[in-house]
Amino acid sequence: MNKKENKDLAILEAAETEFLVKGLEGTRMETIAKHAEVSKRTLYKYYPSKEDLFNALLGHRFQKMNKVLTYPFDEKRSLSEMFATVLDIKIGLCRDSQFLKIAKMLASEQIKQRNVDSEFLKKLGENQRNFEEWVIQCQNAKILSTTYSANQISSYFHALIDGIFVWPVILGQKSEHSEMEVQSNKTMILKSFLFAFGPKV
């Protein structure tokens, strides 16, 4: 990693800390520059505005998430086995404390109607594309229903996962899920998904 990349990473890490604690409105560029150990001039050279920095941070975070959310397809395994692996990967991310902090911050900014909607939705769509690609592979292998599009199946899947593991935490209805709850919900989602989209016998 070169000097420029190191500076950029330091800025993004400092920005994340500030945004998580103070939100978009309460965060000051001067404070980010101080914690990143760069001059204000350097900070504004990299990111002309706080909104630019905020969106860059989103892009950085979603890029890291995409590397985690890689769903393996193996024609030697059953749909049930593969989907169980998919669930472990997705649920693992949804329970990650850093991910939940970012999600809570984004939800807060959405409620305040900040100008992050289009960038957030764009990155979210990119994030879900990995699952859609996995669905298409399963459909091509004729082990998953083709009655519905990959996009429809993806919407169903993410609505289930987010409704159970993400939104209750963001809205303060739940602090975290116990391992017993995780396994119970995983079994429920697995059965629901296979019933809705799996091969009919």
Protein backbone atom coordinates (compact mmCIF):
# COMPACT_ATOMS: atom_id res chain seq x y z
CA MET A 1 0.00 0.00 0.00
CA ASN A 2 1.51 3.33 -1.05
CA LYS A 3 1.54 6.60 0.91
CA LYS A 4 -1.55 7.97 -0.85
CA GLU A 5 -3.53 4.79 -0.15
CA ASN A 6 -2.44 4.87 3.49
CA LYS A 7 -3.68 8.45 3.84
CA ASP A 8 -7.00 7.61 2.20
CA LEU A 9 -7.50 4.61 4.49
CA ALA A 10 -6.66 6.70 7.56
CA ILE A 11 -9.21 9.31 6.48
CA LEU A 12 -11.92 6.69 5.91
CA GLU A 13 -11.25 5.03 9.27
CA ALA A 14 -11.36 8.38 11.09
CA ALA A 15 -14.53 9.33 9.22
CA GLU A 16 -16.24 6.07 10.11
CA THR A 17 -15.53 6.60 13.81
CA GLU A 18 -16.90 10.14 13.70
CA PHE A 19 -19.98 9.34 11.59
CA LEU A 20 -20.92 6.41 13.82
CA VAL A 21 -20.75 8.52 16.97
CA LYS A 22 -22.06 11.88 15.72
CA GLY A 23 -23.94 11.14 12.50
CA LEU A 24 -23.58 13.10 9.29
CA GLU A 25 -24.81 16.41 10.68
CA GLY A 26 -22.72 16.37 13.84
CA THR A 27 -19.45 15.33 12.22
CA ARG A 28 -16.89 18.03 11.43
CA MET A 29 -14.30 17.71 8.68
CA GLU A 30 -11.73 19.40 10.94
CA THR A 31 -12.11 16.63 13.52
CA ILE A 32 -11.72 13.92 10.89
CA ALA A 33 -8.53 15.58 9.61
CA LYS A 34 -7.15 15.71 13.16
CA HIS A 35 -7.86 12.02 13.87
CA ALA A 36 -6.56 10.96 10.47
CA GLU A 37 -3.42 13.03 11.11
CA VAL A 38 -3.70 14.93 7.83
CA SER A 39 -4.11 18.63 7.14
CA LYS A 40 -7.52 20.09 6.32
CA ARG A 41 -6.14 20.98 2.91
CA THR A 42 -5.21 17.34 2.26
CA LEU A 43 -8.60 16.14 3.47
CA TYR A 44 -10.48 18.50 1.15
CA LYS A 45 -8.16 17.50 -1.70
CA TYR A 46 -9.29 13.90 -1.28
CA TYR A 47 -12.93 14.71 -0.45
CA PRO A 48 -14.30 18.17 -1.37
CA SER A 49 -17.31 17.83 0.95
CA LYS A 50 -18.56 15.87 3.92
CA GLU A 51 -21.18 14.22 1.71
CA ASP A 52 -18.47 13.05 -0.71
CA LEU A 53 -16.58 11.53 2.19
CA PHE A 54 -19.71 9.89 3.56
CA ASN A 55 -20.51 8.29 0.20
CA ALA A 56 -16.90 7.17 -0.22
CA LEU A 57 -17.11 5.49 3.16
CA LEU A 58 -20.27 3.69 2.05
CA GLY A 59 -18.52 2.50 -1.08
CA HIS A 60 -15.54 1.29 0.95
CA ARG A 61 -17.75 -0.60 3.39
CA PHE A 62 -19.96 -2.19 0.72
CA GLN A 63 -16.85 -3.25 -1.21
CA LYS A 64 -15.62 -5.11 1.88
CA MET A 65 -19.06 -6.64 2.35
CA ASN A 66 -19.09 -7.91 -1.23
CA LYS A 67 -15.90 -9.84 -0.56
CA VAL A 68 -17.57 -11.54 2.40
CA LEU A 69 -20.84 -12.20 0.58
CA THR A 70 -19.50 -14.67 -1.96
CA TYR A 71 -21.89 -17.59 -2.27
CA PRO A 72 -20.31 -20.84 -3.52
CA PHE A 73 -22.08 -22.96 -6.12
CA ASP A 74 -21.21 -26.66 -6.24
CA GLU A 75 -23.30 -28.92 -8.46
CA LYS A 76 -22.23 -31.91 -6.35
CA ARG A 77 -24.06 -30.50 -3.32
CA SER A 78 -27.81 -30.39 -2.82
CA LEU A 79 -29.76 -27.14 -2.87
CA SER A 80 -30.43 -27.55 0.84
CA GLU A 81 -26.72 -27.89 1.65
CA MET A 82 -25.72 -24.93 -0.50
CA PHE A 83 -28.47 -22.69 0.82
CA ALA A 84 -27.49 -23.57 4.40
CA THR A 85 -24.00 -22.26 3.57
CA VAL A 86 -25.50 -19.13 1.99
CA LEU A 87 -27.47 -18.53 5.19
CA ASP A 88 -24.39 -18.93 7.38
CA ILE A 89 -22.52 -16.33 5.30
CA LYS A 90 -25.37 -13.81 5.17
CA ILE A 91 -26.47 -14.21 8.79
CA GLY A 92 -22.85 -13.96 9.91
CA LEU A 93 -22.59 -10.53 8.30
CA CYS A 94 -25.98 -9.38 9.60
CA ARG A 95 -24.87 -10.18 13.16
CA ASP A 96 -21.55 -8.38 12.81
CA SER A 97 -21.48 -5.44 15.20
CA GLN A 98 -19.67 -3.13 12.77
CA PHE A 99 -22.16 -3.89 9.99
CA LEU A 100 -25.08 -3.20 12.34
CA LYS A 101 -23.56 0.12 13.41
CA ILE A 102 -23.21 1.18 9.78
CA ALA A 103 -26.75 0.02 9.00
CA LYS A 104 -28.12 1.95 11.99
CA MET A 105 -26.27 5.09 10.90
CA LEU A 106 -27.62 4.76 7.35
CA ALA A 107 -31.16 4.24 8.59
CA SER A 108 -30.84 7.35 10.76
CA GLU A 109 -29.64 9.45 7.82
CA GLN A 110 -32.44 8.08 5.64
CA ILE A 111 -35.01 9.14 8.23
CA LYS A 112 -33.47 12.63 8.29
CA GLN A 113 -33.81 12.64 4.48
CA ARG A 114 -30.16 13.30 3.86
CA ASN A 115 -28.92 13.10 0.29
CA VAL A 116 -27.55 9.56 0.59
CA ASP A 117 -30.55 7.70 -0.81
CA SER A 118 -29.38 7.07 -4.36
CA GLU A 119 -25.83 6.08 -3.38
CA PHE A 120 -27.06 3.82 -0.59
CA LEU A 121 -29.63 2.09 -2.79
CA LYS A 122 -27.09 1.71 -5.59
CA LYS A 123 -24.55 0.05 -3.29
CA LEU A 124 -27.24 -2.10 -1.73
CA GLY A 125 -28.25 -3.36 -5.17
CA GLU A 126 -24.63 -4.22 -5.99
CA ASN A 127 -24.37 -6.04 -2.69
CA GLN A 128 -27.38 -8.24 -3.51
CA ARG A 129 -26.14 -9.07 -7.00
CA ASN A 130 -23.86 -11.82 -5.65
CA PHE A 131 -26.90 -13.69 -4.36
CA GLU A 132 -28.75 -13.20 -7.64
CA GLU A 133 -25.79 -14.73 -9.50
CA TRP A 134 -25.94 -17.74 -7.18
CA VAL A 135 -29.68 -18.06 -7.83
CA ILE A 136 -29.11 -18.00 -11.60
CA GLN A 137 -26.50 -20.75 -11.29
CA CYS A 138 -29.01 -22.86 -9.35
CA GLN A 139 -31.74 -22.16 -11.91
CA ASN A 140 -29.44 -23.14 -14.79
CA ALA A 141 -28.70 -26.38 -12.95
CA LYS A 142 -32.48 -26.91 -12.67
CA ILE A 143 -32.45 -27.23 -8.89
CA LEU A 144 -34.22 -23.92 -8.27
CA SER A 145 -37.55 -22.68 -9.59
CA THR A 146 -37.55 -20.61 -12.77
CA THR A 147 -41.11 -19.45 -12.17
CA TYR A 148 -39.67 -16.38 -10.48
CA SER A 149 -36.79 -14.18 -11.61
CA ALA A 150 -33.50 -14.09 -9.74
CA ASN A 151 -34.36 -10.55 -8.68
CA GLN A 152 -37.71 -11.64 -7.20
CA ILE A 153 -36.10 -14.53 -5.31
CA SER A 154 -33.37 -12.19 -4.06
CA SER A 155 -35.94 -9.67 -2.82
CA TYR A 156 -37.77 -12.44 -0.94
CA PHE A 157 -34.55 -13.73 0.61
CA HIS A 158 -33.24 -10.35 1.73
CA ALA A 159 -36.63 -9.30 3.08
CA LEU A 160 -36.65 -12.40 5.29
CA ILE A 161 -33.08 -11.97 6.51
CA ASP A 162 -33.29 -8.23 7.10
CA GLY A 163 -36.70 -8.51 8.76
CA ILE A 164 -35.40 -11.04 11.26
CA PHE A 165 -31.76 -10.11 11.87
CA VAL A 166 -31.27 -6.47 10.90
CA TRP A 167 -34.32 -4.24 11.39
CA PRO A 168 -35.20 -5.36 14.93
CA VAL A 169 -31.68 -4.38 16.03
CA ILE A 170 -31.67 -1.09 14.09
CA LEU A 171 -35.06 -0.13 15.55
CA GLY A 172 -33.94 -1.03 19.06
CA GLN A 173 -36.46 -3.86 19.43
CA LYS A 174 -33.67 -6.35 20.05
CA SER A 175 -30.04 -6.07 21.09
CA GLU A 176 -28.85 -9.38 19.67
CA HIS A 177 -29.99 -12.93 18.87
CA SER A 178 -29.01 -15.91 20.98
CA GLU A 179 -27.42 -18.90 19.24
CA MET A 180 -30.63 -20.85 19.83
CA GLU A 181 -32.67 -18.11 18.12
CA VAL A 182 -30.21 -17.99 15.23
CA GLN A 183 -30.47 -21.74 14.62
CA SER A 184 -34.26 -21.69 14.95
CA ASN A 185 -34.59 -18.81 12.48
CA LYS A 186 -32.10 -20.40 10.12
CA THR A 187 -34.17 -23.61 10.05
CA MET A 188 -37.36 -21.63 9.44
CA ILE A 189 -35.83 -19.61 6.57
CA LEU A 190 -34.30 -22.74 5.03
CA LYS A 191 -37.61 -24.60 5.04
CA SER A 192 -39.49 -21.56 3.75
CA PHE A 193 -37.03 -20.99 0.90
CA LEU A 194 -36.95 -24.64 -0.17
CA PHE A 195 -40.75 -24.85 -0.08
CA ALA A 196 -41.16 -21.70 -2.16
CA PHE A 197 -38.40 -22.22 -4.71
CA GLY A 198 -36.99 -25.73 -4.42
CA PRO A 199 -37.69 -28.61 -6.82
CA LYS A 200 -41.16 -30.08 -6.47
CA VAL A 201 -41.36 -33.82 -5.88
